[in-house]
N, C-alpha and C. Protein backbone atom coordinates (compact mmCIF):
# COMPACT_ATOMS: atom_id res chain seq x y z
N MET A 1 247.76 44.21 16.41
CA MET A 1 248.66 45.07 15.67
C MET A 1 250.08 44.52 15.78
N ALA A 2 250.75 44.41 14.66
CA ALA A 2 252.11 43.87 14.63
C ALA A 2 253.10 44.88 15.19
N LEU A 3 254.05 44.35 15.93
CA LEU A 3 255.10 45.21 16.48
C LEU A 3 256.10 45.63 15.40
N PHE A 4 256.34 44.71 14.49
CA PHE A 4 257.32 44.99 13.44
C PHE A 4 256.64 44.97 12.09
N LYS A 5 256.88 45.97 11.33
CA LYS A 5 256.31 46.08 9.99
C LYS A 5 257.21 45.32 9.02
N LYS A 6 256.64 44.54 8.14
CA LYS A 6 257.43 43.82 7.15
C LYS A 6 258.02 44.84 6.17
N ARG A 7 259.33 44.83 6.09
CA ARG A 7 260.01 45.76 5.18
C ARG A 7 260.73 44.97 4.11
N THR A 8 260.70 45.47 2.91
CA THR A 8 261.49 44.89 1.84
C THR A 8 262.61 45.86 1.53
N VAL A 9 263.68 45.34 1.00
CA VAL A 9 264.82 46.17 0.64
C VAL A 9 264.81 46.33 -0.87
N GLY A 10 265.06 47.51 -1.35
CA GLY A 10 265.09 47.76 -2.78
C GLY A 10 263.92 48.60 -3.21
N LYS A 11 263.96 48.98 -4.47
CA LYS A 11 262.94 49.86 -5.02
C LYS A 11 262.50 49.35 -6.39
N PRO A 12 261.31 49.71 -6.81
CA PRO A 12 260.93 49.39 -8.18
C PRO A 12 261.97 49.99 -9.14
N GLY A 13 262.28 49.28 -10.19
CA GLY A 13 263.32 49.72 -11.12
C GLY A 13 264.64 49.04 -10.84
N GLU A 14 264.75 48.41 -9.68
CA GLU A 14 265.92 47.59 -9.39
C GLU A 14 265.54 46.15 -9.73
N TRP A 15 266.48 45.45 -10.32
CA TRP A 15 266.22 44.09 -10.79
C TRP A 15 267.04 43.10 -9.98
N PHE A 16 266.45 41.94 -9.73
CA PHE A 16 267.09 40.89 -8.96
C PHE A 16 266.94 39.56 -9.69
N TYR A 17 267.84 38.62 -9.38
CA TYR A 17 267.69 37.26 -9.89
C TYR A 17 267.43 36.35 -8.70
N CYS A 18 266.29 35.67 -8.69
CA CYS A 18 265.92 34.78 -7.60
C CYS A 18 266.56 33.41 -7.84
N LEU A 19 267.40 32.99 -6.90
CA LEU A 19 268.08 31.70 -7.01
C LEU A 19 267.12 30.54 -6.77
N LYS A 20 266.13 30.74 -5.94
CA LYS A 20 265.17 29.69 -5.61
C LYS A 20 264.23 29.40 -6.77
N HIS A 21 263.69 30.45 -7.39
CA HIS A 21 262.72 30.29 -8.47
C HIS A 21 263.34 30.37 -9.87
N LYS A 22 264.64 30.74 -9.90
CA LYS A 22 265.38 30.87 -11.16
C LYS A 22 264.68 31.80 -12.14
N LYS A 23 264.35 33.02 -11.60
CA LYS A 23 263.68 34.00 -12.44
C LYS A 23 264.11 35.41 -12.06
N VAL A 24 263.90 36.33 -12.99
CA VAL A 24 264.21 37.74 -12.78
C VAL A 24 263.01 38.39 -12.11
N GLU A 25 263.28 39.27 -11.12
CA GLU A 25 262.23 39.97 -10.39
C GLU A 25 262.51 41.46 -10.41
N GLU A 26 261.47 42.26 -10.53
CA GLU A 26 261.64 43.71 -10.37
C GLU A 26 261.29 44.05 -8.94
N GLY A 27 262.21 44.72 -8.28
CA GLY A 27 262.02 44.95 -6.85
C GLY A 27 262.17 43.63 -6.14
N PRO A 28 262.39 43.63 -4.85
CA PRO A 28 262.58 42.36 -4.17
C PRO A 28 261.25 41.65 -3.93
N GLU A 29 261.16 40.43 -4.40
CA GLU A 29 260.00 39.60 -4.13
C GLU A 29 260.36 38.50 -3.14
N CYS A 30 261.56 37.96 -3.27
CA CYS A 30 262.01 36.87 -2.42
C CYS A 30 263.01 37.39 -1.38
N PRO A 31 263.24 36.64 -0.32
CA PRO A 31 264.20 37.06 0.71
C PRO A 31 265.60 37.27 0.13
N ALA A 32 266.37 38.12 0.77
CA ALA A 32 267.72 38.45 0.29
C ALA A 32 268.60 37.21 0.18
N LYS A 33 268.39 36.24 1.06
CA LYS A 33 269.23 35.03 1.03
C LYS A 33 269.02 34.22 -0.25
N ASP A 34 267.94 34.46 -0.96
CA ASP A 34 267.61 33.71 -2.17
C ASP A 34 267.80 34.50 -3.45
N ARG A 35 268.51 35.62 -3.41
CA ARG A 35 268.60 36.42 -4.64
C ARG A 35 269.96 37.09 -4.81
N PHE A 36 270.28 37.38 -6.07
CA PHE A 36 271.43 38.20 -6.44
C PHE A 36 270.87 39.55 -6.86
N GLY A 37 271.62 40.61 -6.60
CA GLY A 37 271.20 41.92 -7.06
C GLY A 37 271.38 42.96 -5.98
N PRO A 38 271.03 44.17 -6.25
CA PRO A 38 270.24 44.62 -7.38
C PRO A 38 271.09 44.86 -8.63
N TYR A 39 270.44 44.76 -9.76
CA TYR A 39 271.04 45.06 -11.06
C TYR A 39 270.32 46.26 -11.65
N ALA A 40 270.99 46.96 -12.53
CA ALA A 40 270.43 48.18 -13.13
C ALA A 40 269.39 47.88 -14.20
N SER A 41 269.44 46.68 -14.79
CA SER A 41 268.50 46.36 -15.86
C SER A 41 268.05 44.91 -15.76
N ARG A 42 266.94 44.64 -16.42
CA ARG A 42 266.42 43.26 -16.48
C ARG A 42 267.44 42.35 -17.17
N GLU A 43 268.07 42.85 -18.20
CA GLU A 43 269.07 42.08 -18.96
C GLU A 43 270.24 41.66 -18.07
N GLU A 44 270.75 42.58 -17.26
CA GLU A 44 271.85 42.25 -16.34
C GLU A 44 271.41 41.17 -15.35
N ALA A 45 270.22 41.29 -14.81
CA ALA A 45 269.71 40.31 -13.86
C ALA A 45 269.55 38.94 -14.52
N ALA A 46 269.13 38.92 -15.78
CA ALA A 46 268.95 37.66 -16.50
C ALA A 46 270.26 36.91 -16.66
N HIS A 47 271.38 37.62 -16.66
CA HIS A 47 272.70 37.00 -16.83
C HIS A 47 273.44 36.87 -15.50
N ALA A 48 272.73 36.91 -14.39
CA ALA A 48 273.35 36.89 -13.06
C ALA A 48 274.20 35.64 -12.83
N MET A 49 273.71 34.48 -13.22
CA MET A 49 274.46 33.24 -12.99
C MET A 49 275.73 33.20 -13.84
N GLU A 50 275.65 33.68 -15.06
CA GLU A 50 276.83 33.74 -15.93
C GLU A 50 277.87 34.70 -15.35
N THR A 51 277.41 35.85 -14.86
CA THR A 51 278.30 36.82 -14.24
C THR A 51 278.97 36.22 -13.00
N ALA A 52 278.21 35.49 -12.20
CA ALA A 52 278.77 34.86 -11.00
C ALA A 52 279.83 33.82 -11.37
N ARG A 53 279.56 33.01 -12.40
CA ARG A 53 280.55 32.01 -12.85
C ARG A 53 281.84 32.69 -13.30
N GLU A 54 281.72 33.77 -14.08
CA GLU A 54 282.90 34.49 -14.55
C GLU A 54 283.70 35.07 -13.39
N ARG A 55 283.01 35.65 -12.42
CA ARG A 55 283.69 36.22 -11.27
C ARG A 55 284.37 35.14 -10.43
N ASN A 56 283.73 33.99 -10.28
CA ASN A 56 284.33 32.89 -9.53
C ASN A 56 285.60 32.40 -10.21
N LEU A 57 285.58 32.30 -11.55
CA LEU A 57 286.79 31.89 -12.28
C LEU A 57 287.91 32.91 -12.10
N GLN A 58 287.57 34.20 -12.17
CA GLN A 58 288.59 35.23 -11.96
C GLN A 58 289.18 35.11 -10.56
N TRP A 59 288.34 34.91 -9.58
CA TRP A 59 288.79 34.78 -8.19
C TRP A 59 289.69 33.55 -8.04
N ASP A 60 289.26 32.41 -8.59
CA ASP A 60 290.03 31.17 -8.49
C ASP A 60 291.40 31.29 -9.13
N ASN A 61 291.52 32.11 -10.18
CA ASN A 61 292.78 32.23 -10.92
C ASN A 61 293.58 33.47 -10.55
N ASP A 62 293.15 34.22 -9.57
CA ASP A 62 293.86 35.43 -9.15
C ASP A 62 295.05 35.03 -8.28
N PRO A 63 296.28 35.30 -8.73
CA PRO A 63 297.46 34.89 -7.96
C PRO A 63 297.56 35.56 -6.59
N LYS A 64 296.93 36.71 -6.41
CA LYS A 64 296.96 37.37 -5.10
C LYS A 64 296.18 36.58 -4.06
N TRP A 65 295.19 35.79 -4.50
CA TRP A 65 294.35 35.05 -3.56
C TRP A 65 294.62 33.55 -3.60
N ASN A 66 295.43 33.10 -4.51
CA ASN A 66 295.70 31.68 -4.64
C ASN A 66 297.08 31.40 -4.05
N ASP A 67 297.11 30.92 -2.82
CA ASP A 67 298.40 30.69 -2.15
C ASP A 67 298.78 29.22 -2.09
N THR A 68 298.13 28.37 -2.90
CA THR A 68 298.49 26.97 -2.95
C THR A 68 299.78 26.84 -3.77
N PRO A 69 300.78 26.14 -3.25
CA PRO A 69 302.02 25.96 -4.00
C PRO A 69 301.77 25.28 -5.35
N ALA A 70 302.54 25.66 -6.33
CA ALA A 70 302.40 25.10 -7.68
C ALA A 70 302.54 23.58 -7.64
N GLY A 71 301.70 22.88 -8.40
CA GLY A 71 301.77 21.43 -8.49
C GLY A 71 301.09 20.71 -7.34
N ARG A 72 300.37 21.43 -6.50
CA ARG A 72 299.71 20.81 -5.36
C ARG A 72 298.23 21.18 -5.35
N ALA A 73 297.38 20.20 -5.15
CA ALA A 73 295.94 20.47 -5.10
C ALA A 73 295.56 21.04 -3.73
N ASP A 74 294.45 21.75 -3.66
CA ASP A 74 293.97 22.36 -2.42
C ASP A 74 293.66 21.32 -1.35
N ASP A 75 293.17 20.16 -1.74
CA ASP A 75 292.70 19.17 -0.76
C ASP A 75 293.76 18.17 -0.33
N GLU A 76 295.01 18.37 -0.69
CA GLU A 76 296.08 17.45 -0.27
C GLU A 76 296.50 17.72 1.14
């Protein structure tokens, strides 16, 4: 008898995007480290990578978080 029961996080009706398999899943099928979500719909989950790219661009261009002096690259 196992001491620990395998538990998944999430419920049917929640949608996830699996980064490892590059597919949409209903309910969690893959480990949390390999997925984005939960999303409210299959359509939202299908656009997870596009949403992440948009959010990364917003973050990169947000002056509150960008403290690199003008005219200087981050890696200098």
